[in-house]
């Protein structure tokens, strides 16, 4: 939506607006892994609940990563990395 508003205001191409305002999706696994590690470190109770079998907590942890990345992280990649790190792999 922000992109459309900016297109109408400035006439700039969408790709330029996305890049200049930092709105591109984060698909870099290293960046996502760093965000996931931080979410895990900051939420030890949620991690313990997940490891005890409460898989609903995964959504909470994903939300923390998305919040940290301002919604720009690739959700599928976040979920994959979260599951891998929570499994200790």
C-alpha atoms as a PDB file:
ATOM      1  CA  UNK A   1       0.000   0.000   0.000  1.00  0.00           C
ATOM      2  CA  UNK A   2       2.832   2.368   0.861  1.00  0.00           C
ATOM      3  CA  UNK A   3       4.314   1.686  -2.549  1.00  0.00           C
ATOM      4  CA  UNK A   4       1.076   2.582  -4.345  1.00  0.00           C
ATOM      5  CA  UNK A   5       0.729   5.813  -2.381  1.00  0.00           C
ATOM      6  CA  UNK A   6       4.292   6.753  -3.260  1.00  0.00           C
ATOM      7  CA  UNK A   7       3.799   5.894  -6.952  1.00  0.00           C
ATOM      8  CA  UNK A   8       0.887   8.301  -7.126  1.00  0.00           C
ATOM      9  CA  UNK A   9       2.771  11.016  -5.233  1.00  0.00           C
ATOM     10  CA  UNK A  10       6.103  10.814  -7.028  1.00  0.00           C
ATOM     11  CA  UNK A  11       5.613   8.825 -10.222  1.00  0.00           C
ATOM     12  CA  UNK A  12       8.667   6.730  -9.377  1.00  0.00           C
ATOM     13  CA  UNK A  13       8.749   3.068 -10.451  1.00  0.00           C
ATOM     14  CA  UNK A  14       7.735   0.519  -7.784  1.00  0.00           C
ATOM     15  CA  UNK A  15      11.173  -1.137  -7.672  1.00  0.00           C
ATOM     16  CA  UNK A  16      12.843   2.171  -6.850  1.00  0.00           C
ATOM     17  CA  UNK A  17      10.337   2.916  -4.081  1.00  0.00           C
ATOM     18  CA  UNK A  18      10.696  -0.552  -2.551  1.00  0.00           C
ATOM     19  CA  UNK A  19      14.485  -0.244  -2.516  1.00  0.00           C
ATOM     20  CA  UNK A  20      14.653   3.340  -1.235  1.00  0.00           C
ATOM     21  CA  UNK A  21      12.198   2.714   1.610  1.00  0.00           C
ATOM     22  CA  UNK A  22      13.581  -0.674   2.642  1.00  0.00           C
ATOM     23  CA  UNK A  23      10.354  -2.527   1.909  1.00  0.00           C
ATOM     24  CA  UNK A  24      11.833  -5.544   0.125  1.00  0.00           C
ATOM     25  CA  UNK A  25      11.243  -9.003   1.553  1.00  0.00           C
ATOM     26  CA  UNK A  26      14.108 -10.539   3.492  1.00  0.00           C
ATOM     27  CA  UNK A  27      14.966 -13.887   1.944  1.00  0.00           C
ATOM     28  CA  UNK A  28      18.575 -14.098   3.105  1.00  0.00           C
ATOM     29  CA  UNK A  29      18.847 -17.168   5.330  1.00  0.00           C
ATOM     30  CA  UNK A  30      21.692 -15.696   7.394  1.00  0.00           C
ATOM     31  CA  UNK A  31      19.692 -12.570   8.218  1.00  0.00           C
ATOM     32  CA  UNK A  32      16.645 -14.633   9.099  1.00  0.00           C
ATOM     33  CA  UNK A  33      18.707 -17.038  11.198  1.00  0.00           C
ATOM     34  CA  UNK A  34      20.073 -14.083  13.180  1.00  0.00           C
ATOM     35  CA  UNK A  35      16.540 -12.776  13.788  1.00  0.00           C
ATOM     36  CA  UNK A  36      15.331 -16.247  14.796  1.00  0.00           C
ATOM     37  CA  UNK A  37      18.243 -16.712  17.208  1.00  0.00           C
ATOM     38  CA  UNK A  38      17.402 -13.384  18.823  1.00  0.00           C
ATOM     39  CA  UNK A  39      13.724 -14.333  19.178  1.00  0.00           C
ATOM     40  CA  UNK A  40      14.731 -17.654  20.753  1.00  0.00           C
ATOM     41  CA  UNK A  41      17.119 -15.950  23.194  1.00  0.00           C
ATOM     42  CA  UNK A  42      14.540 -13.357  24.230  1.00  0.00           C
ATOM     43  CA  UNK A  43      11.733 -15.888  24.772  1.00  0.00           C
ATOM     44  CA  UNK A  44      13.065 -18.852  26.782  1.00  0.00           C
ATOM     45  CA  UNK A  45       9.606 -19.636  28.226  1.00  0.00           C
ATOM     46  CA  UNK A  46       8.109 -19.995  24.739  1.00  0.00           C
ATOM     47  CA  UNK A  47      11.031 -22.186  23.677  1.00  0.00           C
ATOM     48  CA  UNK A  48      10.524 -24.438  26.704  1.00  0.00           C
ATOM     49  CA  UNK A  49       6.805 -24.746  25.939  1.00  0.00           C
ATOM     50  CA  UNK A  50       7.531 -25.645  22.313  1.00  0.00           C
ATOM     51  CA  UNK A  51      10.063 -28.274  23.327  1.00  0.00           C
ATOM     52  CA  UNK A  52       7.505 -29.657  25.804  1.00  0.00           C
ATOM     53  CA  UNK A  53       5.131 -30.294  22.899  1.00  0.00           C
ATOM     54  CA  UNK A  54       3.129 -27.063  22.596  1.00  0.00           C
ATOM     55  CA  UNK A  55       3.496 -26.396  18.875  1.00  0.00           C
ATOM     56  CA  UNK A  56       1.139 -23.399  19.025  1.00  0.00           C
ATOM     57  CA  UNK A  57       4.029 -21.420  20.503  1.00  0.00           C
ATOM     58  CA  UNK A  58       5.737 -21.614  17.109  1.00  0.00           C
ATOM     59  CA  UNK A  59       3.269 -18.993  15.857  1.00  0.00           C
ATOM     60  CA  UNK A  60       4.222 -16.689  18.713  1.00  0.00           C
ATOM     61  CA  UNK A  61       7.921 -17.053  17.926  1.00  0.00           C
ATOM     62  CA  UNK A  62       7.267 -16.466  14.232  1.00  0.00           C
ATOM     63  CA  UNK A  63       5.380 -13.330  15.186  1.00  0.00           C
ATOM     64  CA  UNK A  64       8.369 -12.122  17.182  1.00  0.00           C
ATOM     65  CA  UNK A  65      10.644 -12.582  14.167  1.00  0.00           C
ATOM     66  CA  UNK A  66       8.159 -10.834  11.875  1.00  0.00           C
ATOM     67  CA  UNK A  67       7.883  -7.964  14.349  1.00  0.00           C
ATOM     68  CA  UNK A  68      11.651  -7.690  14.522  1.00  0.00           C
ATOM     69  CA  UNK A  69      11.926  -7.587  10.711  1.00  0.00           C
ATOM     70  CA  UNK A  70       8.916  -5.272  10.367  1.00  0.00           C
ATOM     71  CA  UNK A  71       7.008  -7.979   8.499  1.00  0.00           C
ATOM     72  CA  UNK A  72       9.595  -8.264   5.744  1.00  0.00           C
ATOM     73  CA  UNK A  73      10.956 -11.751   6.490  1.00  0.00           C
ATOM     74  CA  UNK A  74       9.981 -14.650   4.231  1.00  0.00           C
ATOM     75  CA  UNK A  75       7.513 -16.478   6.496  1.00  0.00           C
ATOM     76  CA  UNK A  76       8.240 -19.941   5.086  1.00  0.00           C
ATOM     77  CA  UNK A  77      11.959 -19.468   5.616  1.00  0.00           C
ATOM     78  CA  UNK A  78      11.353 -18.174   9.149  1.00  0.00           C
ATOM     79  CA  UNK A  79       9.300 -21.253   9.977  1.00  0.00           C
ATOM     80  CA  UNK A  80      11.926 -23.601   8.526  1.00  0.00           C
ATOM     81  CA  UNK A  81      14.790 -21.944  10.426  1.00  0.00           C
ATOM     82  CA  UNK A  82      12.763 -21.783  13.643  1.00  0.00           C
ATOM     83  CA  UNK A  83      11.953 -25.485  13.520  1.00  0.00           C
ATOM     84  CA  UNK A  84      15.552 -26.374  12.732  1.00  0.00           C
ATOM     85  CA  UNK A  85      17.002 -24.275  15.561  1.00  0.00           C
ATOM     86  CA  UNK A  86      14.383 -25.393  18.068  1.00  0.00           C
ATOM     87  CA  UNK A  87      15.197 -28.999  17.208  1.00  0.00           C
ATOM     88  CA  UNK A  88      18.836 -28.214  17.962  1.00  0.00           C
ATOM     89  CA  UNK A  89      20.098 -28.836  14.452  1.00  0.00           C
END
